[in-house]
């Protein structure tokens, strides 16, 4: 059985802004070179940014979290599916 809490802790150690930007780009976001992007489709300017640790801050709503939380909360994935998706993107084994 997969320990999601332990896997998420491992993922947090592996993430940085470049890796998070790559995952966001793959999911469909247009991440700029300054690591800012539009979280919502109706925005005229980017409202979110990625910090050096790979965490995401949405200045429009005040939301702050990691890529797993973003996929879970903004894309409707279960926490388990979001965690496993990020693990597979990073090549992290989780058996």
C-alpha atoms as a PDB file:
ATOM      1  CA  UNK A   1       0.000   0.000   0.000  1.00  0.00           C
ATOM      2  CA  UNK A   2       1.272   3.460  -0.895  1.00  0.00           C
ATOM      3  CA  UNK A   3       1.876   5.894   1.950  1.00  0.00           C
ATOM      4  CA  UNK A   4       0.696   9.109   0.256  1.00  0.00           C
ATOM      5  CA  UNK A   5       1.912  11.351   3.063  1.00  0.00           C
ATOM      6  CA  UNK A   6       5.433   9.945   2.815  1.00  0.00           C
ATOM      7  CA  UNK A   7       5.370  10.082  -0.994  1.00  0.00           C
ATOM      8  CA  UNK A   8       4.252  13.724  -0.935  1.00  0.00           C
ATOM      9  CA  UNK A   9       7.075  14.594   1.454  1.00  0.00           C
ATOM     10  CA  UNK A  10       9.510  12.910  -0.931  1.00  0.00           C
ATOM     11  CA  UNK A  11       8.065  14.824  -3.887  1.00  0.00           C
ATOM     12  CA  UNK A  12       8.389  18.161  -2.080  1.00  0.00           C
ATOM     13  CA  UNK A  13      12.107  17.524  -1.691  1.00  0.00           C
ATOM     14  CA  UNK A  14      12.432  16.781  -5.417  1.00  0.00           C
ATOM     15  CA  UNK A  15      10.518  19.811  -6.679  1.00  0.00           C
ATOM     16  CA  UNK A  16      11.908  23.153  -7.743  1.00  0.00           C
ATOM     17  CA  UNK A  17      10.469  25.908  -9.891  1.00  0.00           C
ATOM     18  CA  UNK A  18      11.792  24.440 -13.159  1.00  0.00           C
ATOM     19  CA  UNK A  19      10.207  21.038 -12.541  1.00  0.00           C
ATOM     20  CA  UNK A  20       6.903  22.577 -11.470  1.00  0.00           C
ATOM     21  CA  UNK A  21       6.932  24.827 -14.559  1.00  0.00           C
ATOM     22  CA  UNK A  22       7.484  21.753 -16.751  1.00  0.00           C
ATOM     23  CA  UNK A  23       4.547  19.924 -15.162  1.00  0.00           C
ATOM     24  CA  UNK A  24       2.301  22.995 -15.462  1.00  0.00           C
ATOM     25  CA  UNK A  25       3.278  23.407 -19.112  1.00  0.00           C
ATOM     26  CA  UNK A  26       2.479  19.756 -19.780  1.00  0.00           C
ATOM     27  CA  UNK A  27      -0.936  20.186 -18.135  1.00  0.00           C
ATOM     28  CA  UNK A  28      -1.630  23.156 -20.431  1.00  0.00           C
ATOM     29  CA  UNK A  29      -0.509  26.317 -18.657  1.00  0.00           C
ATOM     30  CA  UNK A  30       1.640  28.882 -20.438  1.00  0.00           C
ATOM     31  CA  UNK A  31       4.417  29.476 -17.901  1.00  0.00           C
ATOM     32  CA  UNK A  32       6.609  32.466 -18.696  1.00  0.00           C
ATOM     33  CA  UNK A  33      10.375  32.592 -18.213  1.00  0.00           C
ATOM     34  CA  UNK A  34       9.839  34.554 -14.996  1.00  0.00           C
ATOM     35  CA  UNK A  35       7.749  31.605 -13.708  1.00  0.00           C
ATOM     36  CA  UNK A  36       4.445  33.482 -13.789  1.00  0.00           C
ATOM     37  CA  UNK A  37       1.313  32.121 -15.403  1.00  0.00           C
ATOM     38  CA  UNK A  38      -2.429  32.621 -15.721  1.00  0.00           C
ATOM     39  CA  UNK A  39      -4.216  30.260 -13.376  1.00  0.00           C
ATOM     40  CA  UNK A  40      -7.646  31.055 -14.824  1.00  0.00           C
ATOM     41  CA  UNK A  41      -8.431  31.230 -18.551  1.00  0.00           C
ATOM     42  CA  UNK A  42     -10.244  34.579 -18.339  1.00  0.00           C
ATOM     43  CA  UNK A  43      -7.237  36.494 -16.991  1.00  0.00           C
ATOM     44  CA  UNK A  44      -5.490  39.151 -19.046  1.00  0.00           C
ATOM     45  CA  UNK A  45      -2.226  38.993 -17.083  1.00  0.00           C
ATOM     46  CA  UNK A  46      -0.602  36.220 -15.049  1.00  0.00           C
ATOM     47  CA  UNK A  47      -1.898  36.003 -11.506  1.00  0.00           C
ATOM     48  CA  UNK A  48       0.196  33.133 -10.198  1.00  0.00           C
ATOM     49  CA  UNK A  49       3.882  32.489  -9.768  1.00  0.00           C
ATOM     50  CA  UNK A  50       6.210  29.662  -8.774  1.00  0.00           C
ATOM     51  CA  UNK A  51       8.727  30.270  -5.996  1.00  0.00           C
ATOM     52  CA  UNK A  52      12.214  28.734  -5.739  1.00  0.00           C
ATOM     53  CA  UNK A  53      10.902  25.761  -3.736  1.00  0.00           C
ATOM     54  CA  UNK A  54       8.318  24.958  -6.398  1.00  0.00           C
ATOM     55  CA  UNK A  55       5.335  26.280  -4.463  1.00  0.00           C
ATOM     56  CA  UNK A  56       2.648  28.222  -6.283  1.00  0.00           C
ATOM     57  CA  UNK A  57       1.109  31.516  -5.148  1.00  0.00           C
ATOM     58  CA  UNK A  58      -2.098  32.807  -6.707  1.00  0.00           C
ATOM     59  CA  UNK A  59      -2.166  36.533  -6.095  1.00  0.00           C
ATOM     60  CA  UNK A  60      -5.742  36.787  -7.370  1.00  0.00           C
ATOM     61  CA  UNK A  61      -7.260  34.620  -4.651  1.00  0.00           C
ATOM     62  CA  UNK A  62      -4.468  34.333  -2.102  1.00  0.00           C
ATOM     63  CA  UNK A  63      -4.203  30.576  -2.645  1.00  0.00           C
ATOM     64  CA  UNK A  64      -0.777  29.051  -1.905  1.00  0.00           C
ATOM     65  CA  UNK A  65       0.290  25.442  -2.301  1.00  0.00           C
ATOM     66  CA  UNK A  66       2.290  22.878  -4.181  1.00  0.00           C
ATOM     67  CA  UNK A  67       1.683  21.309  -7.589  1.00  0.00           C
ATOM     68  CA  UNK A  68      -0.157  18.359  -6.035  1.00  0.00           C
ATOM     69  CA  UNK A  69      -2.582  20.704  -4.258  1.00  0.00           C
ATOM     70  CA  UNK A  70      -3.097  22.699  -7.452  1.00  0.00           C
ATOM     71  CA  UNK A  71      -3.987  19.590  -9.447  1.00  0.00           C
ATOM     72  CA  UNK A  72      -6.274  18.442  -6.646  1.00  0.00           C
ATOM     73  CA  UNK A  73      -8.031  21.740  -5.961  1.00  0.00           C
ATOM     74  CA  UNK A  74      -8.068  23.381  -9.400  1.00  0.00           C
ATOM     75  CA  UNK A  75      -8.323  20.348 -11.679  1.00  0.00           C
ATOM     76  CA  UNK A  76     -10.557  18.068  -9.630  1.00  0.00           C
ATOM     77  CA  UNK A  77      -8.084  15.207  -9.313  1.00  0.00           C
ATOM     78  CA  UNK A  78      -8.223  13.164  -6.162  1.00  0.00           C
ATOM     79  CA  UNK A  79      -5.304  13.792  -3.833  1.00  0.00           C
ATOM     80  CA  UNK A  80      -4.049  10.283  -4.547  1.00  0.00           C
ATOM     81  CA  UNK A  81      -4.247  10.726  -8.331  1.00  0.00           C
ATOM     82  CA  UNK A  82      -2.559  14.139  -8.184  1.00  0.00           C
ATOM     83  CA  UNK A  83       0.247  12.761  -6.011  1.00  0.00           C
ATOM     84  CA  UNK A  84       0.816   9.750  -8.259  1.00  0.00           C
ATOM     85  CA  UNK A  85       0.706  11.959 -11.373  1.00  0.00           C
ATOM     86  CA  UNK A  86       3.431  14.260 -10.041  1.00  0.00           C
ATOM     87  CA  UNK A  87       5.474  11.248  -8.922  1.00  0.00           C
ATOM     88  CA  UNK A  88       5.296   9.771 -12.408  1.00  0.00           C
ATOM     89  CA  UNK A  89       6.263  13.117 -13.975  1.00  0.00           C
ATOM     90  CA  UNK A  90       9.342  13.194 -11.754  1.00  0.00           C
ATOM     91  CA  UNK A  91      10.181   9.534 -12.267  1.00  0.00           C
ATOM     92  CA  UNK A  92       9.774   8.803  -8.552  1.00  0.00           C
ATOM     93  CA  UNK A  93       9.047   5.157  -7.771  1.00  0.00           C
ATOM     94  CA  UNK A  94       6.256   4.609  -5.282  1.00  0.00           C
ATOM     95  CA  UNK A  95       5.739   0.903  -4.776  1.00  0.00           C
END
